[in-house]
Amino acid sequence: MCEVIVVTRPGYELGGKIPPGAAQVVDVRGMTQPEISAVLARARADGPRTFFTDAAMIDISATAIRLSARAGESAHLTEMVPSAVANYIEKYELYKK
């Protein structure tokens, strides 16, 4: 029904992790903007596509963010997420349970 964009962390390898019957996978990691535009302009295959991109330039996992929030490590949390996000997490005590 829709196309999905997956932003991978540095060093992530696709390998054989795509299940049979999944959406068509299009790996645009490392491509230039003109190359990506050309891929997007091509006719869509049957069904939706899943695009893998490397737009994230830092290697931070959601698990690490939750662990820092749970441990009350404010300084470490603000190194991983924007200060507004860290403040929100702390204000509403997210991930404490």
PDB file of N, CA and C in Angstrom:
ATOM      1  N   MET A   1       0.813  -1.195   0.000  1.00  0.00           N
ATOM      2  CA  MET A   1       0.000   0.000   0.000  1.00  0.00           C
ATOM      3  C   MET A   1       0.856   1.258   0.000  1.00  0.00           C
ATOM      4  N   CYS A   2       2.078   1.149   0.547  1.00  0.00           N
ATOM      5  CA  CYS A   2       2.925   2.331   0.575  1.00  0.00           C
ATOM      6  C   CYS A   2       4.386   1.908   0.462  1.00  0.00           C
ATOM      7  N   GLU A   3       5.216   2.869   0.173  1.00  0.00           N
ATOM      8  CA  GLU A   3       6.645   2.597   0.120  1.00  0.00           C
ATOM      9  C   GLU A   3       7.255   2.972   1.457  1.00  0.00           C
ATOM     10  N   VAL A   4       8.306   2.267   1.824  1.00  0.00           N
ATOM     11  CA  VAL A   4       8.932   2.437   3.126  1.00  0.00           C
ATOM     12  C   VAL A   4      10.380   2.856   2.920  1.00  0.00           C
ATOM     13  N   ILE A   5      10.852   3.752   3.788  1.00  0.00           N
ATOM     14  CA  ILE A   5      12.251   4.157   3.769  1.00  0.00           C
ATOM     15  C   ILE A   5      12.876   3.703   5.078  1.00  0.00           C
ATOM     16  N   VAL A   6      13.936   2.918   4.978  1.00  0.00           N
ATOM     17  CA  VAL A   6      14.660   2.422   6.138  1.00  0.00           C
ATOM     18  C   VAL A   6      16.004   3.131   6.172  1.00  0.00           C
ATOM     19  N   VAL A   7      16.274   3.842   7.261  1.00  0.00           N
ATOM     20  CA  VAL A   7      17.547   4.541   7.420  1.00  0.00           C
ATOM     21  C   VAL A   7      18.448   3.640   8.260  1.00  0.00           C
ATOM     22  N   THR A   8      19.529   3.181   7.658  1.00  0.00           N
ATOM     23  CA  THR A   8      20.426   2.253   8.341  1.00  0.00           C
ATOM     24  C   THR A   8      21.534   3.001   9.071  1.00  0.00           C
ATOM     25  N   ARG A   9      22.066   2.348  10.087  1.00  0.00           N
ATOM     26  CA  ARG A   9      23.223   2.899  10.789  1.00  0.00           C
ATOM     27  C   ARG A   9      24.476   2.552  10.003  1.00  0.00           C
ATOM     28  N   PRO A  10      25.560   3.295  10.223  1.00  0.00           N
ATOM     29  CA  PRO A  10      26.812   2.988   9.522  1.00  0.00           C
ATOM     30  C   PRO A  10      27.238   1.544   9.759  1.00  0.00           C
ATOM     31  N   GLY A  11      27.677   0.897   8.690  1.00  0.00           N
ATOM     32  CA  GLY A  11      28.168  -0.472   8.794  1.00  0.00           C
ATOM     33  C   GLY A  11      27.100  -1.545   8.698  1.00  0.00           C
ATOM     34  N   TYR A  12      25.824  -1.155   8.602  1.00  0.00           N
ATOM     35  CA  TYR A  12      24.745  -2.147   8.524  1.00  0.00           C
ATOM     36  C   TYR A  12      24.807  -2.860   7.191  1.00  0.00           C
ATOM     37  N   GLU A  13      24.742  -4.168   7.218  1.00  0.00           N
ATOM     38  CA  GLU A  13      24.749  -4.979   5.998  1.00  0.00           C
ATOM     39  C   GLU A  13      23.386  -5.636   5.806  1.00  0.00           C
ATOM     40  N   LEU A  14      22.863  -5.572   4.603  1.00  0.00           N
ATOM     41  CA  LEU A  14      21.583  -6.203   4.303  1.00  0.00           C
ATOM     42  C   LEU A  14      21.690  -7.720   4.361  1.00  0.00           C
ATOM     43  N   GLY A  15      22.689  -8.262   3.718  1.00  0.00           N
ATOM     44  CA  GLY A  15      22.850  -9.714   3.700  1.00  0.00           C
ATOM     45  C   GLY A  15      21.611 -10.404   3.175  1.00  0.00           C
ATOM     46  N   GLY A  16      21.291 -11.566   3.709  1.00  0.00           N
ATOM     47  CA  GLY A  16      20.124 -12.320   3.280  1.00  0.00           C
ATOM     48  C   GLY A  16      18.952 -12.156   4.219  1.00  0.00           C
ATOM     49  N   LYS A  17      18.801 -10.979   4.815  1.00  0.00           N
ATOM     50  CA  LYS A  17      17.799 -10.764   5.850  1.00  0.00           C
ATOM     51  C   LYS A  17      16.421 -10.402   5.308  1.00  0.00           C
ATOM     52  N   ILE A  18      16.255 -10.345   4.000  1.00  0.00           N
ATOM     53  CA  ILE A  18      14.969  -9.962   3.432  1.00  0.00           C
ATOM     54  C   ILE A  18      14.112 -11.215   3.260  1.00  0.00           C
ATOM     55  N   PRO A  19      12.963 -11.276   3.932  1.00  0.00           N
ATOM     56  CA  PRO A  19      12.123 -12.483   3.836  1.00  0.00           C
ATOM     57  C   PRO A  19      11.471 -12.599   2.470  1.00  0.00           C
ATOM     58  N   PRO A  20      11.220 -13.841   2.043  1.00  0.00           N
ATOM     59  CA  PRO A  20      10.515 -14.045   0.771  1.00  0.00           C
ATOM     60  C   PRO A  20       9.150 -13.370   0.820  1.00  0.00           C
ATOM     61  N   GLY A  21       8.735 -12.792  -0.289  1.00  0.00           N
ATOM     62  CA  GLY A  21       7.434 -12.145  -0.354  1.00  0.00           C
ATOM     63  C   GLY A  21       7.428 -10.722   0.174  1.00  0.00           C
ATOM     64  N   ALA A  22       8.567 -10.251   0.653  1.00  0.00           N
ATOM     65  CA  ALA A  22       8.653  -8.873   1.146  1.00  0.00           C
ATOM     66  C   ALA A  22       8.598  -7.915  -0.035  1.00  0.00           C
ATOM     67  N   ALA A  23       8.398  -6.644   0.274  1.00  0.00           N
ATOM     68  CA  ALA A  23       8.385  -5.622  -0.768  1.00  0.00           C
ATOM     69  C   ALA A  23       9.721  -5.617  -1.502  1.00  0.00           C
ATOM     70  N   GLN A  24       9.693  -5.140  -2.729  1.00  0.00           N
ATOM     71  CA  GLN A  24      10.933  -5.028  -3.501  1.00  0.00           C
ATOM     72  C   GLN A  24      11.905  -4.135  -2.744  1.00  0.00           C
ATOM     73  N   VAL A  25      13.120  -4.590  -2.568  1.00  0.00           N
ATOM     74  CA  VAL A  25      14.129  -3.834  -1.834  1.00  0.00           C
ATOM     75  C   VAL A  25      14.974  -3.042  -2.816  1.00  0.00           C
ATOM     76  N   VAL A  26      15.122  -1.742  -2.534  1.00  0.00           N
ATOM     77  CA  VAL A  26      15.944  -0.866  -3.348  1.00  0.00           C
ATOM     78  C   VAL A  26      16.982  -0.248  -2.429  1.00  0.00           C
ATOM     79  N   ASP A  27      18.238  -0.573  -2.648  1.00  0.00           N
ATOM     80  CA  ASP A  27      19.329  -0.090  -1.795  1.00  0.00           C
ATOM     81  C   ASP A  27      19.952   1.140  -2.445  1.00  0.00           C
ATOM     82  N   VAL A  28      19.702   2.328  -1.871  1.00  0.00           N
ATOM     83  CA  VAL A  28      20.240   3.570  -2.425  1.00  0.00           C
ATOM     84  C   VAL A  28      21.386   4.121  -1.575  1.00  0.00           C
ATOM     85  N   ARG A  29      21.895   3.294  -0.672  1.00  0.00           N
ATOM     86  CA  ARG A  29      23.007   3.742   0.173  1.00  0.00           C
ATOM     87  C   ARG A  29      24.226   4.031  -0.692  1.00  0.00           C
ATOM     88  N   GLY A  30      24.861   5.151  -0.415  1.00  0.00           N
ATOM     89  CA  GLY A  30      26.067   5.540  -1.136  1.00  0.00           C
ATOM     90  C   GLY A  30      25.813   6.189  -2.485  1.00  0.00           C
ATOM     91  N   MET A  31      24.563   6.309  -2.889  1.00  0.00           N
ATOM     92  CA  MET A  31      24.243   6.934  -4.177  1.00  0.00           C
ATOM     93  C   MET A  31      24.215   8.447  -4.054  1.00  0.00           C
ATOM     94  N   THR A  32      24.482   9.108  -5.158  1.00  0.00           N
ATOM     95  CA  THR A  32      24.379  10.566  -5.210  1.00  0.00           C
ATOM     96  C   THR A  32      22.918  10.937  -5.433  1.00  0.00           C
ATOM     97  N   GLN A  33      22.584  12.203  -5.233  1.00  0.00           N
ATOM     98  CA  GLN A  33      21.206  12.655  -5.435  1.00  0.00           C
ATOM     99  C   GLN A  33      20.726  12.385  -6.859  1.00  0.00           C
ATOM    100  N   PRO A  34      21.538  12.661  -7.907  1.00  0.00           N
ATOM    101  CA  PRO A  34      21.078  12.346  -9.267  1.00  0.00           C
ATOM    102  C   PRO A  34      20.821  10.847  -9.474  1.00  0.00           C
ATOM    103  N   GLU A  35      21.646   9.995  -8.878  1.00  0.00           N
ATOM    104  CA  GLU A  35      21.444   8.550  -8.997  1.00  0.00           C
ATOM    105  C   GLU A  35      20.136   8.126  -8.316  1.00  0.00           C
ATOM    106  N   ILE A  36      19.885   8.687  -7.136  1.00  0.00           N
ATOM    107  CA  ILE A  36      18.644   8.365  -6.426  1.00  0.00           C
ATOM    108  C   ILE A  36      17.439   8.851  -7.218  1.00  0.00           C
ATOM    109  N   SER A  37      17.538  10.044  -7.803  1.00  0.00           N
ATOM    110  CA  SER A  37      16.439  10.577  -8.625  1.00  0.00           C
ATOM    111  C   SER A  37      16.149   9.650  -9.799  1.00  0.00           C
ATOM    112  N   ALA A  38      17.197   9.089 -10.403  1.00  0.00           N
ATOM    113  CA  ALA A  38      17.015   8.167 -11.527  1.00  0.00           C
ATOM    114  C   ALA A  38      16.312   6.896 -11.066  1.00  0.00           C
ATOM    115  N   VAL A  39      16.688   6.388  -9.898  1.00  0.00           N
ATOM    116  CA  VAL A  39      16.036   5.195  -9.350  1.00  0.00           C
ATOM    117  C   VAL A  39      14.556   5.478  -9.107  1.00  0.00           C
ATOM    118  N   LEU A  40      14.250   6.627  -8.527  1.00  0.00           N
ATOM    119  CA  LEU A  40      12.863   6.977  -8.227  1.00  0.00           C
ATOM    120  C   LEU A  40      12.037   7.179  -9.498  1.00  0.00           C
ATOM    121  N   ALA A  41      12.689   7.620 -10.579  1.00  0.00           N
ATOM    122  CA  ALA A  41      11.977   7.884 -11.824  1.00  0.00           C
ATOM    123  C   ALA A  41      11.619   6.599 -12.569  1.00  0.00           C
ATOM    124  N   ARG A  42      12.347   5.516 -12.296  1.00  0.00           N
ATOM    125  CA  ARG A  42      12.055   4.246 -12.961  1.00  0.00           C
ATOM    126  C   ARG A  42      10.659   3.762 -12.570  1.00  0.00           C
ATOM    127  N   ALA A  43      10.058   3.025 -13.489  1.00  0.00           N
ATOM    128  CA  ALA A  43       8.724   2.484 -13.222  1.00  0.00           C
ATOM    129  C   ALA A  43       8.752   1.605 -11.981  1.00  0.00           C
ATOM    130  N   ARG A  44       7.735   1.721 -11.177  1.00  0.00           N
ATOM    131  CA  ARG A  44       7.613   0.939  -9.950  1.00  0.00           C
ATOM    132  C   ARG A  44       7.284  -0.509 -10.302  1.00  0.00           C
ATOM    133  N   ALA A  45       7.924  -1.432  -9.593  1.00  0.00           N
ATOM    134  CA  ALA A  45       7.634  -2.858  -9.784  1.00  0.00           C
ATOM    135  C   ALA A  45       6.265  -3.173  -9.207  1.00  0.00           C
ATOM    136  N   ASP A  46       5.836  -4.408  -9.330  1.00  0.00           N
ATOM    137  CA  ASP A  46       4.563  -4.814  -8.738  1.00  0.00           C
ATOM    138  C   ASP A  46       4.621  -4.633  -7.238  1.00  0.00           C
ATOM    139  N   GLY A  47       3.768  -3.817  -6.713  1.00  0.00           N
ATOM    140  CA  GLY A  47       3.703  -3.612  -5.273  1.00  0.00           C
ATOM    141  C   GLY A  47       4.668  -2.535  -4.787  1.00  0.00           C
ATOM    142  N   PRO A  48       4.634  -2.302  -3.498  1.00  0.00           N
ATOM    143  CA  PRO A  48       5.459  -1.248  -2.905  1.00  0.00           C
ATOM    144  C   PRO A  48       6.933  -1.630  -2.849  1.00  0.00           C
ATOM    145  N   ARG A  49       7.761  -0.623  -2.657  1.00  0.00           N
ATOM    146  CA  ARG A  49       9.201  -0.828  -2.528  1.00  0.00           C
ATOM    147  C   ARG A  49       9.645  -0.427  -1.133  1.00  0.00           C
ATOM    148  N   THR A  50      10.730  -1.036  -0.696  1.00  0.00           N
ATOM    149  CA  THR A  50      11.381  -0.644   0.556  1.00  0.00           C
ATOM    150  C   THR A  50      12.754  -0.111   0.192  1.00  0.00           C
ATOM    151  N   PHE A  51      12.998   1.149   0.523  1.00  0.00           N
ATOM    152  CA  PHE A  51      14.265   1.791   0.207  1.00  0.00           C
ATOM    153  C   PHE A  51      15.171   1.772   1.436  1.00  0.00           C
ATOM    154  N   PHE A  52      16.403   1.352   1.257  1.00  0.00           N
ATOM    155  CA  PHE A  52      17.412   1.409   2.314  1.00  0.00           C
ATOM    156  C   PHE A  52      18.342   2.565   1.991  1.00  0.00           C
ATOM    157  N   THR A  53      18.502   3.478   2.950  1.00  0.00           N
ATOM    158  CA  THR A  53      19.369   4.630   2.756  1.00  0.00           C
ATOM    159  C   THR A  53      20.304   4.771   3.944  1.00  0.00           C
ATOM    160  N   ASP A  54      21.355   5.524   3.762  1.00  0.00           N
ATOM    161  CA  ASP A  54      22.355   5.721   4.814  1.00  0.00           C
ATOM    162  C   ASP A  54      22.401   7.170   5.271  1.00  0.00           C
ATOM    163  N   ALA A  55      21.257   7.808   5.327  1.00  0.00           N
ATOM    164  CA  ALA A  55      21.199   9.218   5.697  1.00  0.00           C
ATOM    165  C   ALA A  55      21.700   9.480   7.111  1.00  0.00           C
ATOM    166  N   ALA A  56      21.595   8.497   7.990  1.00  0.00           N
ATOM    167  CA  ALA A  56      22.085   8.677   9.360  1.00  0.00           C
ATOM    168  C   ALA A  56      23.603   8.638   9.355  1.00  0.00           C
ATOM    169  N   MET A  57      24.218   9.622   9.950  1.00  0.00           N
ATOM    170  CA  MET A  57      25.669   9.699   9.942  1.00  0.00           C
ATOM    171  C   MET A  57      26.301   9.291  11.267  1.00  0.00           C
ATOM    172  N   ILE A  58      25.479   8.901  12.241  1.00  0.00           N
ATOM    173  CA  ILE A  58      26.003   8.490  13.535  1.00  0.00           C
ATOM    174  C   ILE A  58      25.455   7.120  13.897  1.00  0.00           C
ATOM    175  N   ASP A  59      26.235   6.380  14.637  1.00  0.00           N
ATOM    176  CA  ASP A  59      25.864   5.016  14.993  1.00  0.00           C
ATOM    177  C   ASP A  59      25.270   4.998  16.400  1.00  0.00           C
ATOM    178  N   ILE A  60      23.949   5.243  16.474  1.00  0.00           N
ATOM    179  CA  ILE A  60      23.246   5.256  17.756  1.00  0.00           C
ATOM    180  C   ILE A  60      22.009   4.393  17.613  1.00  0.00           C
ATOM    181  N   SER A  61      21.806   3.515  18.565  1.00  0.00           N
ATOM    182  CA  SER A  61      20.633   2.655  18.512  1.00  0.00           C
ATOM    183  C   SER A  61      19.556   3.175  19.463  1.00  0.00           C
ATOM    184  N   ALA A  62      18.319   2.832  19.172  1.00  0.00           N
ATOM    185  CA  ALA A  62      17.210   3.186  20.054  1.00  0.00           C
ATOM    186  C   ALA A  62      17.396   2.526  21.416  1.00  0.00           C
ATOM    187  N   THR A  63      17.986   1.339  21.419  1.00  0.00           N
ATOM    188  CA  THR A  63      18.240   0.638  22.680  1.00  0.00           C
ATOM    189  C   THR A  63      19.178   1.450  23.564  1.00  0.00           C
ATOM    190  N   ALA A  64      20.233   2.007  22.983  1.00  0.00           N
ATOM    191  CA  ALA A  64      21.177   2.818  23.761  1.00  0.00           C
ATOM    192  C   ALA A  64      20.500   4.065  24.321  1.00  0.00           C
ATOM    193  N   ILE A  65      19.624   4.662  23.550  1.00  0.00           N
ATOM    194  CA  ILE A  65      18.893   5.847  24.013  1.00  0.00           C
ATOM    195  C   ILE A  65      18.000   5.475  25.194  1.00  0.00           C
ATOM    196  N   ARG A  66      17.264   4.373  25.070  1.00  0.00           N
ATOM    197  CA  ARG A  66      16.389   3.944  26.162  1.00  0.00           C
ATOM    198  C   ARG A  66      17.186   3.600  27.416  1.00  0.00           C
ATOM    199  N   LEU A  67      18.318   2.924  27.255  1.00  0.00           N
ATOM    200  CA  LEU A  67      19.141   2.560  28.412  1.00  0.00           C
ATOM    201  C   LEU A  67      19.667   3.802  29.131  1.00  0.00           C
ATOM    202  N   SER A  68      20.120   4.802  28.388  1.00  0.00           N
ATOM    203  CA  SER A  68      20.610   6.040  29.003  1.00  0.00           C
ATOM    204  C   SER A  68      19.497   6.766  29.737  1.00  0.00           C
ATOM    205  N   ALA A  69      18.318   6.814  29.126  1.00  0.00           N
ATOM    206  CA  ALA A  69      17.180   7.479  29.771  1.00  0.00           C
ATOM    207  C   ALA A  69      16.807   6.749  31.052  1.00  0.00           C
ATOM    208  N   ARG A  70      16.764   5.428  30.989  1.00  0.00           N
ATOM    209  CA  ARG A  70      16.397   4.620  32.152  1.00  0.00           C
ATOM    210  C   ARG A  70      17.399   4.795  33.290  1.00  0.00           C
ATOM    211  N   ALA A  71      18.681   4.949  32.947  1.00  0.00           N
ATOM    212  CA  ALA A  71      19.736   5.089  33.953  1.00  0.00           C
ATOM    213  C   ALA A  71      19.882   6.526  34.441  1.00  0.00           C
ATOM    214  N   GLY A  72      19.132   7.463  33.854  1.00  0.00           N
ATOM    215  CA  GLY A  72      19.219   8.861  34.269  1.00  0.00           C
ATOM    216  C   GLY A  72      20.508   9.534  33.826  1.00  0.00           C
ATOM    217  N   GLU A  73      21.103   9.058  32.747  1.00  0.00           N
ATOM    218  CA  GLU A  73      22.352   9.617  32.235  1.00  0.00           C
ATOM    219  C   GLU A  73      22.057  10.777  31.277  1.00  0.00           C
ATOM    220  N   SER A  74      21.703  11.916  31.839  1.00  0.00           N
ATOM    221  CA  SER A  74      21.292  13.073  31.043  1.00  0.00           C
ATOM    222  C   SER A  74      22.367  13.534  30.068  1.00  0.00           C
ATOM    223  N   ALA A  75      23.602  13.595  30.529  1.00  0.00           N
ATOM    224  CA  ALA A  75      24.684  14.063  29.666  1.00  0.00           C
ATOM    225  C   ALA A  75      24.868  13.134  28.464  1.00  0.00           C
ATOM    226  N   HIS A  76      24.832  11.852  28.711  1.00  0.00           N
ATOM    227  CA  HIS A  76      24.995  10.892  27.620  1.00  0.00           C
ATOM    228  C   HIS A  76      23.800  10.938  26.672  1.00  0.00           C
ATOM    229  N   LEU A  77      22.615  11.113  27.230  1.00  0.00           N
ATOM    230  CA  LEU A  77      21.404  11.187  26.421  1.00  0.00           C
ATOM    231  C   LEU A  77      21.462  12.372  25.459  1.00  0.00           C
ATOM    232  N   THR A  78      21.931  13.531  25.959  1.00  0.00           N
ATOM    233  CA  THR A  78      21.992  14.721  25.096  1.00  0.00           C
ATOM    234  C   THR A  78      23.087  14.616  24.044  1.00  0.00           C
ATOM    235  N   GLU A  79      24.004  13.668  24.195  1.00  0.00           N
ATOM    236  CA  GLU A  79      24.993  13.425  23.144  1.00  0.00           C
ATOM    237  C   GLU A  79      24.380  12.615  22.006  1.00  0.00           C
ATOM    238  N   MET A  80      23.331  11.868  22.314  1.00  0.00           N
ATOM    239  CA  MET A  80      22.730  10.975  21.315  1.00  0.00           C
ATOM    240  C   MET A  80      21.533  11.559  20.593  1.00  0.00           C
ATOM    241  N   VAL A  81      20.798  12.465  21.252  1.00  0.00           N
ATOM    242  CA  VAL A  81      19.594  13.040  20.651  1.00  0.00           C
ATOM    243  C   VAL A  81      19.627  14.557  20.825  1.00  0.00           C
ATOM    244  N   PRO A  82      18.870  15.295  20.022  1.00  0.00           N
ATOM    245  CA  PRO A  82      18.799  16.745  20.204  1.00  0.00           C
ATOM    246  C   PRO A  82      18.323  17.086  21.618  1.00  0.00           C
ATOM    247  N   SER A  83      18.743  18.220  22.132  1.00  0.00           N
ATOM    248  CA  SER A  83      18.401  18.588  23.507  1.00  0.00           C
ATOM    249  C   SER A  83      16.889  18.658  23.735  1.00  0.00           C
ATOM    250  N   ALA A  84      16.138  19.100  22.737  1.00  0.00           N
ATOM    251  CA  ALA A  84      14.677  19.153  22.895  1.00  0.00           C
ATOM    252  C   ALA A  84      14.109  17.753  23.102  1.00  0.00           C
ATOM    253  N   VAL A  85      14.663  16.776  22.415  1.00  0.00           N
ATOM    254  CA  VAL A  85      14.200  15.390  22.560  1.00  0.00           C
ATOM    255  C   VAL A  85      14.601  14.858  23.933  1.00  0.00           C
ATOM    256  N   ALA A  86      15.837  15.124  24.340  1.00  0.00           N
ATOM    257  CA  ALA A  86      16.301  14.680  25.659  1.00  0.00           C
ATOM    258  C   ALA A  86      15.444  15.293  26.758  1.00  0.00           C
ATOM    259  N   ASN A  87      15.131  16.583  26.639  1.00  0.00           N
ATOM    260  CA  ASN A  87      14.285  17.252  27.629  1.00  0.00           C
ATOM    261  C   ASN A  87      12.900  16.617  27.697  1.00  0.00           C
ATOM    262  N   TYR A  88      12.337  16.293  26.550  1.00  0.00           N
ATOM    263  CA  TYR A  88      11.022  15.656  26.493  1.00  0.00           C
ATOM    264  C   TYR A  88      11.064  14.291  27.170  1.00  0.00           C
ATOM    265  N   ILE A  89      12.091  13.502  26.853  1.00  0.00           N
ATOM    266  CA  ILE A  89      12.241  12.168  27.456  1.00  0.00           C
ATOM    267  C   ILE A  89      12.331  12.282  28.972  1.00  0.00           C
ATOM    268  N   GLU A  90      13.117  13.247  29.445  1.00  0.00           N
ATOM    269  CA  GLU A  90      13.291  13.420  30.890  1.00  0.00           C
ATOM    270  C   GLU A  90      12.029  13.987  31.546  1.00  0.00           C
ATOM    271  N   LYS A  91      11.401  14.965  30.909  1.00  0.00           N
ATOM    272  CA  LYS A  91      10.205  15.595  31.472  1.00  0.00           C
ATOM    273  C   LYS A  91       9.089  14.581  31.696  1.00  0.00           C
ATOM    274  N   TYR A  92       8.871  13.711  30.728  1.00  0.00           N
ATOM    275  CA  TYR A  92       7.783  12.742  30.819  1.00  0.00           C
ATOM    276  C   TYR A  92       8.256  11.370  31.299  1.00  0.00           C
ATOM    277  N   GLU A  93       9.498  11.333  31.760  1.00  0.00           N
ATOM    278  CA  GLU A  93      10.084  10.111  32.333  1.00  0.00           C
ATOM    279  C   GLU A  93       9.878   8.889  31.431  1.00  0.00           C
ATOM    280  N   LEU A  94      10.134   9.108  30.146  1.00  0.00           N
ATOM    281  CA  LEU A  94       9.985   8.007  29.195  1.00  0.00           C
ATOM    282  C   LEU A  94      11.060   6.956  29.451  1.00  0.00           C
ATOM    283  N   TYR A  95      10.746   5.725  29.198  1.00  0.00           N
ATOM    284  CA  TYR A  95      11.666   4.572  29.297  1.00  0.00           C
ATOM    285  C   TYR A  95      12.090   4.269  30.724  1.00  0.00           C
ATOM    286  N   LYS A  96      11.434   4.821  31.716  1.00  0.00           N
ATOM    287  CA  LYS A  96      11.808   4.566  33.110  1.00  0.00           C
ATOM    288  C   LYS A  96      11.328   3.203  33.581  1.00  0.00           C
ATOM    289  N   LYS A  97      10.343   2.658  32.955  1.00  0.00           N
ATOM    290  CA  LYS A  97       9.775   1.375  33.404  1.00  0.00           C
ATOM    291  C   LYS A  97      10.308   0.231  32.618  1.00  0.00           C
TER     292      LYS A  97
END
